PDB file of all heavy atoms in Angstrom:
ATOM      1  N   SER A   1     -14.583 -18.576 144.117  1.00  0.00           N
ATOM      2  CA  SER A   1     -15.259 -19.798 143.690  1.00  0.00           C
ATOM      3  C   SER A   1     -16.684 -19.869 144.235  1.00  0.00           C
ATOM      4  O   SER A   1     -17.610 -20.338 143.566  1.00  0.00           O
ATOM      5  CB  SER A   1     -14.490 -21.032 144.138  1.00  0.00           C
ATOM      6  OG  SER A   1     -14.554 -21.207 145.567  1.00  0.00           O
ATOM      7  N   TYR A   2     -16.918 -19.331 145.422  1.00  0.00           N
ATOM      8  CA  TYR A   2     -18.289 -19.292 145.976  1.00  0.00           C
ATOM      9  C   TYR A   2     -19.138 -18.239 145.279  1.00  0.00           C
ATOM     10  O   TYR A   2     -20.297 -18.491 144.965  1.00  0.00           O
ATOM     11  CB  TYR A   2     -18.223 -18.992 147.458  1.00  0.00           C
ATOM     12  CG  TYR A   2     -18.031 -20.216 148.358  1.00  0.00           C
ATOM     13  CD1 TYR A   2     -16.796 -20.494 148.902  1.00  0.00           C
ATOM     14  CD2 TYR A   2     -19.083 -21.097 148.609  1.00  0.00           C
ATOM     15  CE1 TYR A   2     -16.589 -21.617 149.696  1.00  0.00           C
ATOM     16  CE2 TYR A   2     -18.907 -22.214 149.405  1.00  0.00           C
ATOM     17  CZ  TYR A   2     -17.659 -22.475 149.936  1.00  0.00           C
ATOM     18  OH  TYR A   2     -17.471 -23.588 150.699  1.00  0.00           O
ATOM     19  N   VAL A   3     -18.553 -17.066 145.044  1.00  0.00           N
ATOM     20  CA  VAL A   3     -19.318 -16.016 144.348  1.00  0.00           C
ATOM     21  C   VAL A   3     -19.699 -16.467 142.941  1.00  0.00           C
ATOM     22  O   VAL A   3     -20.787 -16.154 142.444  1.00  0.00           O
ATOM     23  CB  VAL A   3     -18.497 -14.704 144.265  1.00  0.00           C
ATOM     24  CG1 VAL A   3     -19.209 -13.659 143.429  1.00  0.00           C
ATOM     25  CG2 VAL A   3     -18.268 -14.155 145.680  1.00  0.00           C
ATOM     26  N   ALA A   4     -18.837 -17.259 142.309  1.00  0.00           N
ATOM     27  CA  ALA A   4     -19.105 -17.764 140.988  1.00  0.00           C
ATOM     28  C   ALA A   4     -20.288 -18.738 140.935  1.00  0.00           C
ATOM     29  O   ALA A   4     -20.769 -19.066 139.829  1.00  0.00           O
ATOM     30  CB  ALA A   4     -17.862 -18.459 140.398  1.00  0.00           C
ATOM     31  N   GLU A   5     -20.756 -19.177 142.102  1.00  0.00           N
ATOM     32  CA  GLU A   5     -21.926 -20.050 142.141  1.00  0.00           C
ATOM     33  C   GLU A   5     -23.241 -19.279 142.032  1.00  0.00           C
ATOM     34  O   GLU A   5     -24.333 -19.828 142.179  1.00  0.00           O
ATOM     35  CB  GLU A   5     -21.948 -20.836 143.468  1.00  0.00           C
ATOM     36  CG  GLU A   5     -20.796 -21.839 143.602  1.00  0.00           C
ATOM     37  CD  GLU A   5     -20.873 -22.927 142.524  1.00  0.00           C
ATOM     38  OE1 GLU A   5     -21.987 -23.442 142.260  1.00  0.00           O
ATOM     39  OE2 GLU A   5     -19.829 -23.218 141.918  1.00  0.00           O
ATOM     40  N   THR A   6     -23.172 -17.983 141.742  1.00  0.00           N
ATOM     41  CA  THR A   6     -24.363 -17.149 141.533  1.00  0.00           C
ATOM     42  C   THR A   6     -25.118 -17.637 140.294  1.00  0.00           C
ATOM     43  O   THR A   6     -24.501 -18.107 139.315  1.00  0.00           O
ATOM     44  CB  THR A   6     -23.941 -15.666 141.332  1.00  0.00           C
ATOM     45  OG1 THR A   6     -23.239 -15.237 142.495  1.00  0.00           O
ATOM     46  CG2 THR A   6     -25.153 -14.778 141.099  1.00  0.00           C
ATOM     47  N   GLU A   7     -26.434 -17.511 140.318  1.00  0.00           N
ATOM     48  CA  GLU A   7     -27.264 -17.859 139.169  1.00  0.00           C
ATOM     49  C   GLU A   7     -26.718 -17.157 137.917  1.00  0.00           C
ATOM     50  O   GLU A   7     -26.392 -15.987 137.927  1.00  0.00           O
ATOM     51  CB  GLU A   7     -28.711 -17.439 139.440  1.00  0.00           C
ATOM     52  CG  GLU A   7     -29.697 -17.901 138.407  1.00  0.00           C
ATOM     53  CD  GLU A   7     -31.133 -17.563 138.773  1.00  0.00           C
ATOM     54  OE1 GLU A   7     -31.360 -17.127 139.924  1.00  0.00           O
ATOM     55  OE2 GLU A   7     -32.025 -17.719 137.927  1.00  0.00           O
ATOM     56  N   LYS A   8     -26.645 -17.947 136.835  1.00  0.00           N
ATOM     57  CA  LYS A   8     -25.908 -17.527 135.651  1.00  0.00           C
ATOM     58  C   LYS A   8     -26.342 -16.162 135.116  1.00  0.00           C
ATOM     59  O   LYS A   8     -25.493 -15.340 134.712  1.00  0.00           O
ATOM     60  CB  LYS A   8     -26.070 -18.568 134.546  1.00  0.00           C
ATOM     61  CG  LYS A   8     -25.170 -18.387 133.335  1.00  0.00           C
ATOM     62  CD  LYS A   8     -25.233 -19.537 132.356  1.00  0.00           C
ATOM     63  CE  LYS A   8     -24.631 -20.812 133.032  1.00  0.00           C
ATOM     64  NZ  LYS A   8     -24.593 -21.931 132.007  1.00  0.00           N
ATOM     65  N   LYS A   9     -27.627 -15.858 135.080  1.00  0.00           N
ATOM     66  CA  LYS A   9     -28.080 -14.601 134.513  1.00  0.00           C
ATOM     67  C   LYS A   9     -27.679 -13.375 135.302  1.00  0.00           C
ATOM     68  O   LYS A   9     -27.615 -12.252 134.781  1.00  0.00           O
ATOM     69  CB  LYS A   9     -29.600 -14.629 134.294  1.00  0.00           C
ATOM     70  CG  LYS A   9     -30.427 -14.678 135.578  1.00  0.00           C
ATOM     71  CD  LYS A   9     -31.916 -14.672 135.228  1.00  0.00           C
ATOM     72  CE  LYS A   9     -32.782 -14.788 136.472  1.00  0.00           C
ATOM     73  NZ  LYS A   9     -34.222 -14.799 136.119  1.00  0.00           N
ATOM     74  N   PHE A  10     -27.355 -13.588 136.602  1.00  0.00           N
ATOM     75  CA  PHE A  10     -26.941 -12.455 137.435  1.00  0.00           C
ATOM     76  C   PHE A  10     -25.415 -12.411 137.619  1.00  0.00           C
ATOM     77  O   PHE A  10     -24.883 -11.433 138.152  1.00  0.00           O
ATOM     78  CB  PHE A  10     -27.602 -12.564 138.802  1.00  0.00           C
ATOM     79  CG  PHE A  10     -29.100 -12.520 138.796  1.00  0.00           C
ATOM     80  CD1 PHE A  10     -29.843 -13.564 139.311  1.00  0.00           C
ATOM     81  CD2 PHE A  10     -29.761 -11.423 138.248  1.00  0.00           C
ATOM     82  CE1 PHE A  10     -31.219 -13.536 139.320  1.00  0.00           C
ATOM     83  CE2 PHE A  10     -31.121 -11.382 138.248  1.00  0.00           C
ATOM     84  CZ  PHE A  10     -31.888 -12.439 138.757  1.00  0.00           C
ATOM     85  N   LEU A  11     -24.724 -13.477 137.192  1.00  0.00           N
ATOM     86  CA  LEU A  11     -23.296 -13.619 137.513  1.00  0.00           C
ATOM     87  C   LEU A  11     -22.438 -12.472 136.973  1.00  0.00           C
ATOM     88  O   LEU A  11     -21.587 -11.967 137.720  1.00  0.00           O
ATOM     89  CB  LEU A  11     -22.791 -14.939 137.001  1.00  0.00           C
ATOM     90  CG  LEU A  11     -21.319 -15.287 137.315  1.00  0.00           C
ATOM     91  CD1 LEU A  11     -21.065 -15.246 138.810  1.00  0.00           C
ATOM     92  CD2 LEU A  11     -20.947 -16.628 136.723  1.00  0.00           C
ATOM     93  N   PRO A  12     -22.596 -12.013 135.723  1.00  0.00           N
ATOM     94  CA  PRO A  12     -21.738 -10.920 135.258  1.00  0.00           C
ATOM     95  C   PRO A  12     -21.838  -9.665 136.130  1.00  0.00           C
ATOM     96  O   PRO A  12     -20.813  -9.059 136.466  1.00  0.00           O
ATOM     97  CB  PRO A  12     -22.248 -10.662 133.833  1.00  0.00           C
ATOM     98  CG  PRO A  12     -22.843 -11.976 133.430  1.00  0.00           C
ATOM     99  CD  PRO A  12     -23.488 -12.534 134.663  1.00  0.00           C
ATOM    100  N   ASP A  13     -23.064  -9.284 136.462  1.00  0.00           N
ATOM    101  CA  ASP A  13     -23.232  -8.071 137.287  1.00  0.00           C
ATOM    102  C   ASP A  13     -22.666  -8.261 138.698  1.00  0.00           C
ATOM    103  O   ASP A  13     -22.056  -7.359 139.277  1.00  0.00           O
ATOM    104  CB  ASP A  13     -24.716  -7.680 137.377  1.00  0.00           C
ATOM    105  CG  ASP A  13     -25.246  -7.103 136.084  1.00  0.00           C
ATOM    106  OD1 ASP A  13     -24.425  -6.615 135.269  1.00  0.00           O
ATOM    107  OD2 ASP A  13     -26.477  -7.129 135.869  1.00  0.00           O
ATOM    108  N   VAL A  14     -22.881  -9.455 139.248  1.00  0.00           N
ATOM    109  CA  VAL A  14     -22.379  -9.742 140.595  1.00  0.00           C
ATOM    110  C   VAL A  14     -20.845  -9.749 140.621  1.00  0.00           C
ATOM    111  O   VAL A  14     -20.219  -9.180 141.510  1.00  0.00           O
ATOM    112  CB  VAL A  14     -22.943 -11.088 141.109  1.00  0.00           C
ATOM    113  CG1 VAL A  14     -22.191 -11.563 142.342  1.00  0.00           C
ATOM    114  CG2 VAL A  14     -24.430 -10.958 141.418  1.00  0.00           C
ATOM    115  N   LEU A  15     -20.226 -10.406 139.638  1.00  0.00           N
ATOM    116  CA  LEU A  15     -18.774 -10.439 139.552  1.00  0.00           C
ATOM    117  C   LEU A  15     -18.199  -9.048 139.363  1.00  0.00           C
ATOM    118  O   LEU A  15     -17.135  -8.721 139.896  1.00  0.00           O
ATOM    119  CB  LEU A  15     -18.301 -11.362 138.454  1.00  0.00           C
ATOM    120  CG  LEU A  15     -18.338 -12.868 138.740  1.00  0.00           C
ATOM    121  CD1 LEU A  15     -17.892 -13.662 137.521  1.00  0.00           C
ATOM    122  CD2 LEU A  15     -17.472 -13.208 139.950  1.00  0.00           C
ATOM    123  N   LYS A  16     -18.894  -8.211 138.639  1.00  0.00           N
ATOM    124  CA  LYS A  16     -18.435  -6.845 138.401  1.00  0.00           C
ATOM    125  C   LYS A  16     -18.395  -6.067 139.715  1.00  0.00           C
ATOM    126  O   LYS A  16     -17.419  -5.373 140.026  1.00  0.00           O
ATOM    127  CB  LYS A  16     -19.374  -6.127 137.415  1.00  0.00           C
ATOM    128  CG  LYS A  16     -18.923  -4.715 137.047  1.00  0.00           C
ATOM    129  CD  LYS A  16     -19.852  -4.125 136.000  1.00  0.00           C
ATOM    130  CE  LYS A  16     -19.447  -2.695 135.650  1.00  0.00           C
ATOM    131  NZ  LYS A  16     -20.376  -2.102 134.639  1.00  0.00           N
ATOM    132  N   VAL A  17     -19.444  -6.225 140.518  1.00  0.00           N
ATOM    133  CA  VAL A  17     -19.504  -5.540 141.814  1.00  0.00           C
ATOM    134  C   VAL A  17     -18.452  -6.125 142.759  1.00  0.00           C
ATOM    135  O   VAL A  17     -17.687  -5.369 143.420  1.00  0.00           O
ATOM    136  CB  VAL A  17     -20.891  -5.678 142.472  1.00  0.00           C
ATOM    137  CG1 VAL A  17     -20.900  -5.105 143.872  1.00  0.00           C
ATOM    138  CG2 VAL A  17     -21.929  -4.981 141.604  1.00  0.00           C
ATOM    139  N   PHE A  18     -18.339  -7.425 142.818  1.00  0.00           N
ATOM    140  CA  PHE A  18     -17.423  -8.069 143.735  1.00  0.00           C
ATOM    141  C   PHE A  18     -15.948  -7.742 143.376  1.00  0.00           C
ATOM    142  O   PHE A  18     -15.156  -7.412 144.278  1.00  0.00           O
ATOM    143  CB  PHE A  18     -17.625  -9.597 143.717  1.00  0.00           C
ATOM    144  CG  PHE A  18     -16.755 -10.321 144.683  1.00  0.00           C
ATOM    145  CD1 PHE A  18     -16.912 -10.222 146.061  1.00  0.00           C
ATOM    146  CD2 PHE A  18     -15.699 -11.135 144.231  1.00  0.00           C
ATOM    147  CE1 PHE A  18     -16.124 -10.893 146.984  1.00  0.00           C
ATOM    148  CE2 PHE A  18     -14.883 -11.796 145.136  1.00  0.00           C
ATOM    149  CZ  PHE A  18     -15.091 -11.689 146.487  1.00  0.00           C
ATOM    150  N   THR A  19     -15.613  -7.808 142.088  1.00  0.00           N
ATOM    151  CA  THR A  19     -14.244  -7.516 141.671  1.00  0.00           C
ATOM    152  C   THR A  19     -13.848  -6.081 141.951  1.00  0.00           C
ATOM    153  O   THR A  19     -12.764  -5.791 142.459  1.00  0.00           O
ATOM    154  CB  THR A  19     -14.074  -7.844 140.170  1.00  0.00           C
ATOM    155  OG1 THR A  19     -14.417  -9.218 139.962  1.00  0.00           O
ATOM    156  CG2 THR A  19     -12.650  -7.620 139.747  1.00  0.00           C
ATOM    157  N   ARG A  20     -14.762  -5.144 141.631  1.00  0.00           N
ATOM    158  CA  ARG A  20     -14.491  -3.733 141.895  1.00  0.00           C
ATOM    159  C   ARG A  20     -14.292  -3.528 143.398  1.00  0.00           C
ATOM    160  O   ARG A  20     -13.365  -2.808 143.835  1.00  0.00           O
ATOM    161  CB  ARG A  20     -15.664  -2.880 141.410  1.00  0.00           C
ATOM    162  CG  ARG A  20     -15.409  -1.357 141.570  1.00  0.00           C
ATOM    163  CD  ARG A  20     -16.671  -0.593 141.346  1.00  0.00           C
ATOM    164  NE  ARG A  20     -17.649  -0.756 142.392  1.00  0.00           N
ATOM    165  CZ  ARG A  20     -18.880  -0.254 142.375  1.00  0.00           C
ATOM    166  NH1 ARG A  20     -19.298   0.414 141.319  1.00  0.00           N
ATOM    167  NH2 ARG A  20     -19.711  -0.454 143.372  1.00  0.00           N
ATOM    168  N   THR A  21     -15.114  -4.182 144.215  1.00  0.00           N
ATOM    169  CA  THR A  21     -15.038  -3.991 145.666  1.00  0.00           C
ATOM    170  C   THR A  21     -13.742  -4.580 146.221  1.00  0.00           C
ATOM    171  O   THR A  21     -13.087  -3.950 147.056  1.00  0.00           O
ATOM    172  CB  THR A  21     -16.255  -4.670 146.329  1.00  0.00           C
ATOM    173  OG1 THR A  21     -17.443  -4.099 145.828  1.00  0.00           O
ATOM    174  CG2 THR A  21     -16.213  -4.474 147.842  1.00  0.00           C
ATOM    175  N   ALA A  22     -13.348  -5.739 145.700  1.00  0.00           N
ATOM    176  CA  ALA A  22     -12.071  -6.360 146.158  1.00  0.00           C
ATOM    177  C   ALA A  22     -10.906  -5.427 145.864  1.00  0.00           C
ATOM    178  O   ALA A  22     -10.015  -5.267 146.705  1.00  0.00           O
ATOM    179  CB  ALA A  22     -11.887  -7.713 145.471  1.00  0.00           C
ATOM    180  N   LYS A  23     -10.929  -4.823 144.694  1.00  0.00           N
ATOM    181  CA  LYS A  23      -9.860  -3.891 144.320  1.00  0.00           C
ATOM    182  C   LYS A  23      -9.878  -2.672 145.236  1.00  0.00           C
ATOM    183  O   LYS A  23      -8.816  -2.199 145.724  1.00  0.00           O
ATOM    184  CB  LYS A  23     -10.021  -3.478 142.877  1.00  0.00           C
ATOM    185  CG  LYS A  23      -8.973  -2.492 142.366  1.00  0.00           C
ATOM    186  CD  LYS A  23      -9.117  -2.270 140.858  1.00  0.00           C
ATOM    187  CE  LYS A  23     -10.389  -1.495 140.533  1.00  0.00           C
ATOM    188  NZ  LYS A  23     -10.293  -0.060 140.903  1.00  0.00           N
ATOM    189  N   GLU A  24     -11.062  -2.144 145.513  1.00  0.00           N
ATOM    190  CA  GLU A  24     -11.170  -0.942 146.351  1.00  0.00           C
ATOM    191  C   GLU A  24     -10.724  -1.228 147.785  1.00  0.00           C
ATOM    192  O   GLU A  24     -10.081  -0.366 148.414  1.00  0.00           O
ATOM    193  CB  GLU A  24     -12.632  -0.434 146.327  1.00  0.00           C
ATOM    194  CG  GLU A  24     -13.016   0.210 145.003  1.00  0.00           C
ATOM    195  CD  GLU A  24     -14.475   0.660 144.976  1.00  0.00           C
ATOM    196  OE1 GLU A  24     -15.325   0.024 145.628  1.00  0.00           O
ATOM    197  OE2 GLU A  24     -14.754   1.624 144.280  1.00  0.00           O
ATOM    198  N   VAL A  25     -11.050  -2.394 148.321  1.00  0.00           N
ATOM    199  CA  VAL A  25     -10.629  -2.733 149.668  1.00  0.00           C
ATOM    200  C   VAL A  25      -9.094  -2.722 149.748  1.00  0.00           C
ATOM    201  O   VAL A  25      -8.515  -2.223 150.735  1.00  0.00           O
ATOM    202  CB  VAL A  25     -11.186  -4.096 150.099  1.00  0.00           C
ATOM    203  CG1 VAL A  25     -10.547  -4.594 151.393  1.00  0.00           C
ATOM    204  CG2 VAL A  25     -12.698  -4.023 150.270  1.00  0.00           C
ATOM    205  N   CYS A  26      -8.411  -3.265 148.714  1.00  0.00           N
ATOM    206  CA  CYS A  26      -6.942  -3.264 148.699  1.00  0.00           C
ATOM    207  C   CYS A  26      -6.423  -1.842 148.577  1.00  0.00           C
ATOM    208  O   CYS A  26      -5.397  -1.519 149.199  1.00  0.00           O
ATOM    209  CB  CYS A  26      -6.446  -4.135 147.548  1.00  0.00           C
ATOM    210  SG  CYS A  26      -6.782  -5.899 147.768  1.00  0.00           S
ATOM    211  N   GLU A  27      -7.099  -0.996 147.808  1.00  0.00           N
ATOM    212  CA  GLU A  27      -6.703   0.400 147.706  1.00  0.00           C
ATOM    213  C   GLU A  27      -6.798   1.073 149.068  1.00  0.00           C
ATOM    214  O   GLU A  27      -5.883   1.833 149.460  1.00  0.00           O
ATOM    215  CB  GLU A  27      -7.573   1.127 146.691  1.00  0.00           C
ATOM    216  CG  GLU A  27      -7.346   0.699 145.239  1.00  0.00           C
ATOM    217  CD  GLU A  27      -8.383   1.223 144.290  1.00  0.00           C
ATOM    218  OE1 GLU A  27      -9.362   1.847 144.737  1.00  0.00           O
ATOM    219  OE2 GLU A  27      -8.244   0.989 143.060  1.00  0.00           O
ATOM    220  N   GLY A  28      -7.860   0.789 149.789  1.00  0.00           N
ATOM    221  CA  GLY A  28      -8.039   1.369 151.112  1.00  0.00           C
ATOM    222  C   GLY A  28      -6.953   0.913 152.067  1.00  0.00           C
ATOM    223  O   GLY A  28      -6.442   1.713 152.868  1.00  0.00           O
ATOM    224  N   GLN A  29      -6.587  -0.362 151.991  1.00  0.00           N
ATOM    225  CA  GLN A  29      -5.525  -0.858 152.848  1.00  0.00           C
ATOM    226  C   GLN A  29      -4.185  -0.168 152.548  1.00  0.00           C
ATOM    227  O   GLN A  29      -3.410   0.132 153.440  1.00  0.00           O
ATOM    228  CB  GLN A  29      -5.391  -2.386 152.686  1.00  0.00           C
ATOM    229  CG  GLN A  29      -4.261  -3.007 153.529  1.00  0.00           C
ATOM    230  CD  GLN A  29      -4.464  -2.870 155.007  1.00  0.00           C
ATOM    231  OE1 GLN A  29      -5.583  -2.540 155.465  1.00  0.00           O
ATOM    232  NE2 GLN A  29      -3.432  -3.073 155.778  1.00  0.00           N
ATOM    233  N   GLN A  30      -3.928   0.076 151.262  1.00  0.00           N
ATOM    234  CA  GLN A  30      -2.703   0.756 150.898  1.00  0.00           C
ATOM    235  C   GLN A  30      -2.672   2.183 151.414  1.00  0.00           C
ATOM    236  O   GLN A  30      -1.663   2.653 151.952  1.00  0.00           O
ATOM    237  CB  GLN A  30      -2.511   0.780 149.370  1.00  0.00           C
ATOM    238  CG  GLN A  30      -1.166   1.386 148.920  1.00  0.00           C
ATOM    239  CD  GLN A  30       0.027   0.637 149.469  1.00  0.00           C
ATOM    240  OE1 GLN A  30       0.181  -0.562 149.208  1.00  0.00           O
ATOM    241  NE2 GLN A  30       0.872   1.300 150.242  1.00  0.00           N
ATOM    242  N   TYR A  31      -3.804   2.894 151.319  1.00  0.00           N
ATOM    243  CA  TYR A  31      -3.866   4.242 151.915  1.00  0.00           C
ATOM    244  C   TYR A  31      -3.593   4.177 153.414  1.00  0.00           C
ATOM    245  O   TYR A  31      -2.876   5.007 153.979  1.00  0.00           O
ATOM    246  CB  TYR A  31      -5.243   4.854 151.671  1.00  0.00           C
ATOM    247  CG  TYR A  31      -5.428   5.451 150.294  1.00  0.00           C
ATOM    248  CD1 TYR A  31      -6.485   5.044 149.499  1.00  0.00           C
ATOM    249  CD2 TYR A  31      -4.568   6.418 149.796  1.00  0.00           C
ATOM    250  CE1 TYR A  31      -6.692   5.598 148.221  1.00  0.00           C
ATOM    251  CE2 TYR A  31      -4.742   6.982 148.549  1.00  0.00           C
ATOM    252  CZ  TYR A  31      -5.808   6.530 147.748  1.00  0.00           C
ATOM    253  OH  TYR A  31      -5.984   7.076 146.495  1.00  0.00           O
ATOM    254  N   ASP A  32      -4.143   3.160 154.075  1.00  0.00           N
ATOM    255  CA  ASP A  32      -3.936   2.986 155.498  1.00  0.00           C
ATOM    256  C   ASP A  32      -2.463   2.824 155.807  1.00  0.00           C
ATOM    257  O   ASP A  32      -1.912   3.432 156.755  1.00  0.00           O
ATOM    258  CB  ASP A  32      -4.725   1.752 155.993  1.00  0.00           C
ATOM    259  CG  ASP A  32      -4.888   1.736 157.506  1.00  0.00           C
ATOM    260  OD1 ASP A  32      -4.676   2.789 158.148  1.00  0.00           O
ATOM    261  OD2 ASP A  32      -5.252   0.676 158.040  1.00  0.00           O
ATOM    262  N   LEU A  33      -1.756   2.015 154.997  1.00  0.00           N
ATOM    263  CA  LEU A  33      -0.315   1.840 155.176  1.00  0.00           C
ATOM    264  C   LEU A  33       0.424   3.143 154.901  1.00  0.00           C
ATOM    265  O   LEU A  33       1.376   3.501 155.630  1.00  0.00           O
ATOM    266  CB  LEU A  33       0.191   0.751 154.239  1.00  0.00           C
ATOM    267  CG  LEU A  33      -0.270  -0.699 154.561  1.00  0.00           C
ATOM    268  CD1 LEU A  33       0.173  -1.645 153.435  1.00  0.00           C
ATOM    269  CD2 LEU A  33       0.323  -1.146 155.905  1.00  0.00           C
ATOM    270  N   ASN A  34       0.007   3.877 153.866  1.00  0.00           N
ATOM    271  CA  ASN A  34       0.677   5.142 153.550  1.00  0.00           C
ATOM    272  C   ASN A  34       0.601   6.120 154.716  1.00  0.00           C
ATOM    273  O   ASN A  34       1.557   6.817 155.004  1.00  0.00           O
ATOM    274  CB  ASN A  34       0.027   5.785 152.329  1.00  0.00           C
ATOM    275  CG  ASN A  34       0.245   5.025 151.032  1.00  0.00           C
ATOM    276  OD1 ASN A  34       1.046   4.097 150.991  1.00  0.00           O
ATOM    277  ND2 ASN A  34      -0.470   5.384 149.991  1.00  0.00           N
ATOM    278  N   TYR A  35      -0.564   6.152 155.371  1.00  0.00           N
ATOM    279  CA  TYR A  35      -0.787   7.114 156.430  1.00  0.00           C
ATOM    280  C   TYR A  35       0.040   6.831 157.679  1.00  0.00           C
ATOM    281  O   TYR A  35       0.238   7.719 158.506  1.00  0.00           O
ATOM    282  CB  TYR A  35      -2.274   7.179 156.783  1.00  0.00           C
ATOM    283  CG  TYR A  35      -3.167   7.635 155.663  1.00  0.00           C
ATOM    284  CD1 TYR A  35      -4.539   7.387 155.685  1.00  0.00           C
ATOM    285  CD2 TYR A  35      -2.650   8.313 154.549  1.00  0.00           C
ATOM    286  CE1 TYR A  35      -5.361   7.805 154.637  1.00  0.00           C
ATOM    287  CE2 TYR A  35      -3.447   8.715 153.512  1.00  0.00           C
ATOM    288  CZ  TYR A  35      -4.811   8.485 153.568  1.00  0.00           C
ATOM    289  OH  TYR A  35      -5.621   8.883 152.535  1.00  0.00           O
ATOM    290  N   GLU A  36       0.536   5.617 157.785  1.00  0.00           N
ATOM    291  CA  GLU A  36       1.370   5.280 158.968  1.00  0.00           C
ATOM    292  C   GLU A  36       2.646   6.112 158.974  1.00  0.00           C
ATOM    293  O   GLU A  36       3.153   6.462 160.040  1.00  0.00           O
ATOM    294  CB  GLU A  36       1.702   3.790 158.957  1.00  0.00           C
ATOM    295  CG  GLU A  36       0.535   2.888 159.293  1.00  0.00           C
ATOM    296  CD  GLU A  36       0.900   1.412 159.322  1.00  0.00           C
ATOM    297  OE1 GLU A  36       2.123   1.120 159.249  1.00  0.00           O
ATOM    298  OE2 GLU A  36      -0.008   0.565 159.406  1.00  0.00           O
ATOM    299  N   SER A  37       3.162   6.435 157.803  1.00  0.00           N
ATOM    300  CA  SER A  37       4.428   7.186 157.715  1.00  0.00           C
ATOM    301  C   SER A  37       4.195   8.630 157.278  1.00  0.00           C
ATOM    302  O   SER A  37       5.139   9.396 157.152  1.00  0.00           O
ATOM    303  CB  SER A  37       5.378   6.516 156.723  1.00  0.00           C
ATOM    304  OG  SER A  37       4.771   6.399 155.457  1.00  0.00           O
ATOM    305  N   GLN A  38       2.943   8.996 157.112  1.00  0.00           N
ATOM    306  CA  GLN A  38       2.612  10.370 156.674  1.00  0.00           C
ATOM    307  C   GLN A  38       2.327  11.201 157.927  1.00  0.00           C
ATOM    308  O   GLN A  38       1.466  10.874 158.728  1.00  0.00           O
ATOM    309  CB  GLN A  38       1.379  10.319 155.763  1.00  0.00           C
ATOM    310  CG  GLN A  38       1.082  11.619 155.061  1.00  0.00           C
ATOM    311  CD  GLN A  38      -0.032  11.449 154.065  1.00  0.00           C
ATOM    312  OE1 GLN A  38      -0.045  10.474 153.270  1.00  0.00           O
ATOM    313  NE2 GLN A  38      -0.980  12.394 154.023  1.00  0.00           N
ATOM    314  N   GLU A  39       3.086  12.290 158.087  1.00  0.00           N
ATOM    315  CA  GLU A  39       2.990  13.072 159.326  1.00  0.00           C
ATOM    316  C   GLU A  39       1.599  13.682 159.493  1.00  0.00           C
ATOM    317  O   GLU A  39       1.036  13.667 160.581  1.00  0.00           O
ATOM    318  CB  GLU A  39       4.051  14.173 159.331  1.00  0.00           C
ATOM    319  CG  GLU A  39       4.127  14.935 160.643  1.00  0.00           C
ATOM    320  CD  GLU A  39       5.280  15.918 160.683  1.00  0.00           C
ATOM    321  OE1 GLU A  39       6.280  15.713 159.968  1.00  0.00           O
ATOM    322  OE2 GLU A  39       5.180  16.902 161.425  1.00  0.00           O
ATOM    323  N   LYS A  40       1.062  14.271 158.435  1.00  0.00           N
ATOM    324  CA  LYS A  40      -0.255  14.880 158.539  1.00  0.00           C
ATOM    325  C   LYS A  40      -1.204  14.222 157.550  1.00  0.00           C
ATOM    326  O   LYS A  40      -0.914  14.084 156.363  1.00  0.00           O
ATOM    327  CB  LYS A  40      -0.156  16.393 158.215  1.00  0.00           C
ATOM    328  CG  LYS A  40       0.574  17.189 159.299  1.00  0.00           C
ATOM    329  CD  LYS A  40       0.545  18.676 158.981  1.00  0.00           C
ATOM    330  CE  LYS A  40       1.234  19.480 160.098  1.00  0.00           C
ATOM    331  NZ  LYS A  40       1.193  20.952 159.822  1.00  0.00           N
ATOM    332  N   VAL A  41      -2.350  13.817 158.065  1.00  0.00           N
ATOM    333  CA  VAL A  41      -3.385  13.194 157.244  1.00  0.00           C
ATOM    334  C   VAL A  41      -4.666  13.976 157.405  1.00  0.00           C
ATOM    335  O   VAL A  41      -5.251  14.008 158.481  1.00  0.00           O
ATOM    336  CB  VAL A  41      -3.629  11.714 157.659  1.00  0.00           C
ATOM    337  CG1 VAL A  41      -4.743  11.105 156.814  1.00  0.00           C
ATOM    338  CG2 VAL A  41      -2.350  10.898 157.543  1.00  0.00           C
ATOM    339  N   PRO A  42      -5.114  14.681 156.358  1.00  0.00           N
ATOM    340  CA  PRO A  42      -6.392  15.407 156.464  1.00  0.00           C
ATOM    341  C   PRO A  42      -7.553  14.441 156.746  1.00  0.00           C
ATOM    342  O   PRO A  42      -7.535  13.298 156.280  1.00  0.00           O
ATOM    343  CB  PRO A  42      -6.543  16.026 155.068  1.00  0.00           C
ATOM    344  CG  PRO A  42      -5.151  16.070 154.512  1.00  0.00           C
ATOM    345  CD  PRO A  42      -4.467  14.865 155.038  1.00  0.00           C
ATOM    346  N   ILE A  43      -8.504  14.879 157.538  1.00  0.00           N
ATOM    347  CA  ILE A  43      -9.634  14.019 157.887  1.00  0.00           C
ATOM    348  C   ILE A  43     -10.367  13.558 156.625  1.00  0.00           C
ATOM    349  O   ILE A  43     -10.810  12.396 156.567  1.00  0.00           O
ATOM    350  CB  ILE A  43     -10.597  14.764 158.832  1.00  0.00           C
ATOM    351  CG1 ILE A  43      -9.962  14.886 160.219  1.00  0.00           C
ATOM    352  CG2 ILE A  43     -11.928  14.035 158.934  1.00  0.00           C
ATOM    353  CD1 ILE A  43     -10.781  15.647 161.247  1.00  0.00           C
ATOM    354  N   LYS A  44     -10.437  14.380 155.603  1.00  0.00           N
ATOM    355  CA  LYS A  44     -11.133  13.967 154.377  1.00  0.00           C
ATOM    356  C   LYS A  44     -10.428  12.766 153.728  1.00  0.00           C
ATOM    357  O   LYS A  44     -11.071  11.901 153.115  1.00  0.00           O
ATOM    358  CB  LYS A  44     -11.261  15.129 153.395  1.00  0.00           C
ATOM    359  CG  LYS A  44      -9.931  15.650 152.829  1.00  0.00           C
ATOM    360  CD  LYS A  44     -10.185  16.772 151.829  1.00  0.00           C
ATOM    361  CE  LYS A  44      -8.889  17.350 151.256  1.00  0.00           C
ATOM    362  NZ  LYS A  44      -8.068  16.338 150.566  1.00  0.00           N
ATOM    363  N   ASP A  45      -9.085  12.731 153.845  1.00  0.00           N
ATOM    364  CA  ASP A  45      -8.336  11.608 153.294  1.00  0.00           C
ATOM    365  C   ASP A  45      -8.600  10.334 154.123  1.00  0.00           C
ATOM    366  O   ASP A  45      -8.682   9.238 153.578  1.00  0.00           O
ATOM    367  CB  ASP A  45      -6.840  11.898 153.287  1.00  0.00           C
ATOM    368  CG  ASP A  45      -6.476  12.937 152.220  1.00  0.00           C
ATOM    369  OD1 ASP A  45      -7.353  13.350 151.442  1.00  0.00           O
ATOM    370  OD2 ASP A  45      -5.296  13.356 152.201  1.00  0.00           O
TER     371      ASP A  45
END
């Protein structure tokens, strides 16, 4: 609701960045959970 208060002409681009980022943060958290039970985790992962 706060992000949606962006100036109208910039809102589509801002929401695109914010939504993608929110999804990626959740993906990162899931990888973190996966690694808790994974015996070997390569540093690149």
